[in-house]
Amino acid sequence: MSNQALRIIYNGLNNIPGISCDRAFAPAPDFEQLLRDRGLPLYGLDTGISLKNTDLLLFTLGYELGISGILGMLDVSGIPLRCSQRGEDDPLIIAGGPAVSNPLPYSAFIDTFWIGEAEAGFLILRRNYWRLSKTAGAGPPYMIG
């Protein structure tokens, strides 16, 4: 992982009892097509679990056009793109990073935004997860790190 923030978040979450954090990245176009052709969902690198079968997906959005990668990952995973179309069986989608300082353009697709430094807020995320998961699709709540 070349992004230090991802390494810190990944290791930090995996050090919290009761949490198992995996990693997934936007697939290259040829691999995405292979997944689609074979009817396979995108999966985590460590566990092989489909992204659709997780409780929570955290995305870092480093620049505005990165949303296309997030939407592609959701689509190839079989997760509805719009918050309003997701149900209780779908994962909660959270995005953070520099490009979410103005979350409004992404609010139709992202359930919750993490604004600020995420590294210090793992326990806040864990404490608020169940409340947030119950409000998914009801409009984007914001967490300030």
C-alpha atoms as a PDB file:
ATOM      1  CA  MET A   1       0.000   0.000   0.000  1.00  0.00           C
ATOM      2  CA  SER A   2       1.639   3.187  -1.148  1.00  0.00           C
ATOM      3  CA  ASN A   3      -0.862   5.409   0.686  1.00  0.00           C
ATOM      4  CA  GLN A   4       0.268   5.791   4.309  1.00  0.00           C
ATOM      5  CA  ALA A   5      -3.230   6.752   5.472  1.00  0.00           C
ATOM      6  CA  LEU A   6      -4.618   3.455   4.173  1.00  0.00           C
ATOM      7  CA  ARG A   7      -1.890   1.529   5.984  1.00  0.00           C
ATOM      8  CA  ILE A   8      -2.610   3.379   9.248  1.00  0.00           C
ATOM      9  CA  ILE A   9      -6.383   2.912   8.964  1.00  0.00           C
ATOM     10  CA  TYR A  10      -6.068  -0.761   7.974  1.00  0.00           C
ATOM     11  CA  ASN A  11      -3.746  -1.602  10.866  1.00  0.00           C
ATOM     12  CA  GLY A  12      -5.679   0.577  13.323  1.00  0.00           C
ATOM     13  CA  LEU A  13      -9.031  -1.038  12.561  1.00  0.00           C
ATOM     14  CA  ASN A  14      -7.577  -4.551  12.703  1.00  0.00           C
ATOM     15  CA  ASN A  15      -6.243  -3.779  16.196  1.00  0.00           C
ATOM     16  CA  ILE A  16      -9.730  -3.058  17.574  1.00  0.00           C
ATOM     17  CA  PRO A  17     -11.377  -6.134  19.152  1.00  0.00           C
ATOM     18  CA  GLY A  18     -14.409  -7.280  17.170  1.00  0.00           C
ATOM     19  CA  ILE A  19     -13.353  -5.650  13.891  1.00  0.00           C
ATOM     20  CA  SER A  20     -11.859  -7.365  10.871  1.00  0.00           C
ATOM     21  CA  CYS A  21     -10.674  -4.977   8.177  1.00  0.00           C
ATOM     22  CA  ASP A  22      -9.961  -6.137   4.624  1.00  0.00           C
ATOM     23  CA  ARG A  23      -8.750  -4.233   1.567  1.00  0.00           C
ATOM     24  CA  ALA A  24     -10.131  -3.852  -1.943  1.00  0.00           C
ATOM     25  CA  PHE A  25      -9.178  -1.537  -4.759  1.00  0.00           C
ATOM     26  CA  ALA A  26     -10.821  -0.450  -7.994  1.00  0.00           C
ATOM     27  CA  PRO A  27     -10.058  -3.221 -10.488  1.00  0.00           C
ATOM     28  CA  ALA A  28      -8.222  -2.629 -13.737  1.00  0.00           C
ATOM     29  CA  PRO A  29     -10.662  -2.473 -16.678  1.00  0.00           C
ATOM     30  CA  ASP A  30      -9.751  -5.949 -17.979  1.00  0.00           C
ATOM     31  CA  PHE A  31     -10.223  -7.534 -14.530  1.00  0.00           C
ATOM     32  CA  GLU A  32     -13.499  -5.676 -14.001  1.00  0.00           C
ATOM     33  CA  GLN A  33     -14.744  -7.046 -17.324  1.00  0.00           C
ATOM     34  CA  LEU A  34     -13.641 -10.553 -16.336  1.00  0.00           C
ATOM     35  CA  LEU A  35     -15.591 -10.264 -13.065  1.00  0.00           C
ATOM     36  CA  ARG A  36     -18.671  -9.074 -14.950  1.00  0.00           C
ATOM     37  CA  ASP A  37     -18.379 -11.771 -17.641  1.00  0.00           C
ATOM     38  CA  ARG A  38     -18.150 -14.494 -14.993  1.00  0.00           C
ATOM     39  CA  GLY A  39     -20.833 -12.976 -12.750  1.00  0.00           C
ATOM     40  CA  LEU A  40     -18.397 -12.587  -9.863  1.00  0.00           C
ATOM     41  CA  PRO A  41     -18.503  -9.709  -7.373  1.00  0.00           C
ATOM     42  CA  LEU A  42     -15.460  -7.683  -6.353  1.00  0.00           C
ATOM     43  CA  TYR A  43     -13.901  -9.171  -3.232  1.00  0.00           C
ATOM     44  CA  GLY A  44     -11.496  -8.350  -0.427  1.00  0.00           C
ATOM     45  CA  LEU A  45      -7.826  -9.129  -0.972  1.00  0.00           C
ATOM     46  CA  ASP A  46      -7.264 -10.708   2.446  1.00  0.00           C
ATOM     47  CA  THR A  47     -10.416 -12.771   2.954  1.00  0.00           C
ATOM     48  CA  GLY A  48     -11.949 -13.171  -0.504  1.00  0.00           C
ATOM     49  CA  ILE A  49     -15.299 -12.030   0.908  1.00  0.00           C
ATOM     50  CA  SER A  50     -17.552 -10.197  -1.550  1.00  0.00           C
ATOM     51  CA  LEU A  51     -17.805  -6.472  -0.811  1.00  0.00           C
ATOM     52  CA  LYS A  52     -21.588  -6.885  -0.847  1.00  0.00           C
ATOM     53  CA  ASN A  53     -21.325  -9.273   2.113  1.00  0.00           C
ATOM     54  CA  THR A  54     -19.550  -6.821   4.410  1.00  0.00           C
ATOM     55  CA  ASP A  55     -21.095  -4.574   7.046  1.00  0.00           C
ATOM     56  CA  LEU A  56     -19.193  -1.450   6.138  1.00  0.00           C
ATOM     57  CA  LEU A  57     -17.149  -0.068   3.237  1.00  0.00           C
ATOM     58  CA  LEU A  58     -14.751   2.807   3.856  1.00  0.00           C
ATOM     59  CA  PHE A  59     -13.429   4.755   0.880  1.00  0.00           C
ATOM     60  CA  THR A  60     -10.802   7.450   0.730  1.00  0.00           C
ATOM     61  CA  LEU A  61     -11.529  10.068  -1.893  1.00  0.00           C
ATOM     62  CA  GLY A  62      -8.315  11.874  -2.730  1.00  0.00           C
ATOM     63  CA  TYR A  63      -9.708  13.871  -5.625  1.00  0.00           C
ATOM     64  CA  GLU A  64     -13.157  14.604  -7.041  1.00  0.00           C
ATOM     65  CA  LEU A  65     -13.060  12.240 -10.018  1.00  0.00           C
ATOM     66  CA  GLY A  66     -12.226   9.337  -7.716  1.00  0.00           C
ATOM     67  CA  ILE A  67     -15.973   8.924  -7.198  1.00  0.00           C
ATOM     68  CA  SER A  68     -16.111   7.094 -10.540  1.00  0.00           C
ATOM     69  CA  GLY A  69     -13.843   4.388  -9.099  1.00  0.00           C
ATOM     70  CA  ILE A  70     -16.044   4.084  -6.019  1.00  0.00           C
ATOM     71  CA  LEU A  71     -19.199   3.798  -8.117  1.00  0.00           C
ATOM     72  CA  GLY A  72     -17.530   1.197 -10.337  1.00  0.00           C
ATOM     73  CA  MET A  73     -16.548  -0.842  -7.280  1.00  0.00           C
ATOM     74  CA  LEU A  74     -20.085  -0.697  -5.908  1.00  0.00           C
ATOM     75  CA  ASP A  75     -21.567  -1.642  -9.275  1.00  0.00           C
ATOM     76  CA  VAL A  76     -19.299  -4.634  -9.934  1.00  0.00           C
ATOM     77  CA  SER A  77     -20.003  -5.767  -6.344  1.00  0.00           C
ATOM     78  CA  GLY A  78     -23.766  -5.758  -6.899  1.00  0.00           C
ATOM     79  CA  ILE A  79     -24.339  -2.942  -4.406  1.00  0.00           C
ATOM     80  CA  PRO A  80     -26.938  -0.343  -5.462  1.00  0.00           C
ATOM     81  CA  LEU A  81     -25.242   2.931  -6.379  1.00  0.00           C
ATOM     82  CA  ARG A  82     -27.731   5.282  -4.731  1.00  0.00           C
ATOM     83  CA  CYS A  83     -28.210   5.413  -0.962  1.00  0.00           C
ATOM     84  CA  SER A  84     -31.973   5.478  -1.436  1.00  0.00           C
ATOM     85  CA  GLN A  85     -31.864   2.086  -3.209  1.00  0.00           C
ATOM     86  CA  ARG A  86     -29.846   0.285  -0.532  1.00  0.00           C
ATOM     87  CA  GLY A  87     -31.452  -1.834   2.131  1.00  0.00           C
ATOM     88  CA  GLU A  88     -30.498  -3.220   5.519  1.00  0.00           C
ATOM     89  CA  ASP A  89     -28.613  -6.110   3.913  1.00  0.00           C
ATOM     90  CA  ASP A  90     -26.278  -3.770   2.017  1.00  0.00           C
ATOM     91  CA  PRO A  91     -23.082  -2.414   3.567  1.00  0.00           C
ATOM     92  CA  LEU A  92     -22.930   1.096   4.974  1.00  0.00           C
ATOM     93  CA  ILE A  93     -20.820   3.269   2.637  1.00  0.00           C
ATOM     94  CA  ILE A  94     -18.522   5.855   4.257  1.00  0.00           C
ATOM     95  CA  ALA A  95     -16.150   8.162   2.390  1.00  0.00           C
ATOM     96  CA  GLY A  96     -13.434  10.415   3.718  1.00  0.00           C
ATOM     97  CA  GLY A  97     -10.363  12.153   2.414  1.00  0.00           C
ATOM     98  CA  PRO A  98      -9.484  15.532   0.924  1.00  0.00           C
ATOM     99  CA  ALA A  99     -12.260  15.558  -1.689  1.00  0.00           C
ATOM    100  CA  VAL A 100     -15.094  15.219   0.838  1.00  0.00           C
ATOM    101  CA  SER A 101     -14.533  18.635   2.368  1.00  0.00           C
ATOM    102  CA  ASN A 102     -17.587  19.431   0.227  1.00  0.00           C
ATOM    103  CA  PRO A 103     -19.608  16.199   0.410  1.00  0.00           C
ATOM    104  CA  LEU A 104     -22.739  17.487  -1.341  1.00  0.00           C
ATOM    105  CA  PRO A 105     -21.845  16.243  -4.866  1.00  0.00           C
ATOM    106  CA  TYR A 106     -21.501  12.689  -3.532  1.00  0.00           C
ATOM    107  CA  SER A 107     -24.420  12.634  -1.108  1.00  0.00           C
ATOM    108  CA  ALA A 108     -26.693  10.577  -3.382  1.00  0.00           C
ATOM    109  CA  PHE A 109     -24.162   7.721  -3.333  1.00  0.00           C
ATOM    110  CA  ILE A 110     -22.367   7.827   0.034  1.00  0.00           C
ATOM    111  CA  ASP A 111     -24.262   7.056   3.255  1.00  0.00           C
ATOM    112  CA  THR A 112     -21.935   8.869   5.641  1.00  0.00           C
ATOM    113  CA  PHE A 113     -18.929  11.162   5.319  1.00  0.00           C
ATOM    114  CA  TRP A 114     -15.902  11.316   7.557  1.00  0.00           C
ATOM    115  CA  ILE A 115     -14.619  14.877   7.528  1.00  0.00           C
ATOM    116  CA  GLY A 116     -11.183  15.405   9.014  1.00  0.00           C
ATOM    117  CA  GLU A 117      -8.454  13.041  10.141  1.00  0.00           C
ATOM    118  CA  ALA A 118      -9.766   9.488  10.360  1.00  0.00           C
ATOM    119  CA  GLU A 119      -6.801   7.947  12.121  1.00  0.00           C
ATOM    120  CA  ALA A 120      -7.816   9.266  15.532  1.00  0.00           C
ATOM    121  CA  GLY A 121     -11.462   8.291  15.205  1.00  0.00           C
ATOM    122  CA  PHE A 122     -11.579   4.508  14.981  1.00  0.00           C
ATOM    123  CA  LEU A 123     -13.328   4.125  18.315  1.00  0.00           C
ATOM    124  CA  ILE A 124     -15.820   6.854  17.397  1.00  0.00           C
ATOM    125  CA  LEU A 125     -16.605   4.945  14.214  1.00  0.00           C
ATOM    126  CA  ARG A 126     -17.079   1.702  16.103  1.00  0.00           C
ATOM    127  CA  ARG A 127     -19.319   3.358  18.707  1.00  0.00           C
ATOM    128  CA  ASN A 128     -21.501   5.061  16.067  1.00  0.00           C
ATOM    129  CA  TYR A 129     -21.646   2.289  13.452  1.00  0.00           C
ATOM    130  CA  TRP A 130     -24.927   0.745  14.604  1.00  0.00           C
ATOM    131  CA  ARG A 131     -26.669   4.134  14.818  1.00  0.00           C
ATOM    132  CA  LEU A 132     -25.395   5.086  11.370  1.00  0.00           C
ATOM    133  CA  SER A 133     -26.369   1.767   9.805  1.00  0.00           C
ATOM    134  CA  LYS A 134     -29.959   2.295  10.923  1.00  0.00           C
ATOM    135  CA  THR A 135     -30.124   5.697   9.213  1.00  0.00           C
ATOM    136  CA  ALA A 136     -28.543   4.655   5.895  1.00  0.00           C
ATOM    137  CA  GLY A 137     -30.478   6.077   2.969  1.00  0.00           C
ATOM    138  CA  ALA A 138     -32.143   8.715   5.148  1.00  0.00           C
ATOM    139  CA  GLY A 139     -29.729  11.452   4.122  1.00  0.00           C
ATOM    140  CA  PRO A 140     -26.043  11.786   4.774  1.00  0.00           C
ATOM    141  CA  PRO A 141     -24.960  12.192   8.387  1.00  0.00           C
ATOM    142  CA  TYR A 142     -21.486  13.565   8.893  1.00  0.00           C
ATOM    143  CA  MET A 143     -18.794  12.526  11.327  1.00  0.00           C
ATOM    144  CA  ILE A 144     -16.082  14.980  12.195  1.00  0.00           C
ATOM    145  CA  GLY A 145     -12.724  13.421  13.038  1.00  0.00           C
END
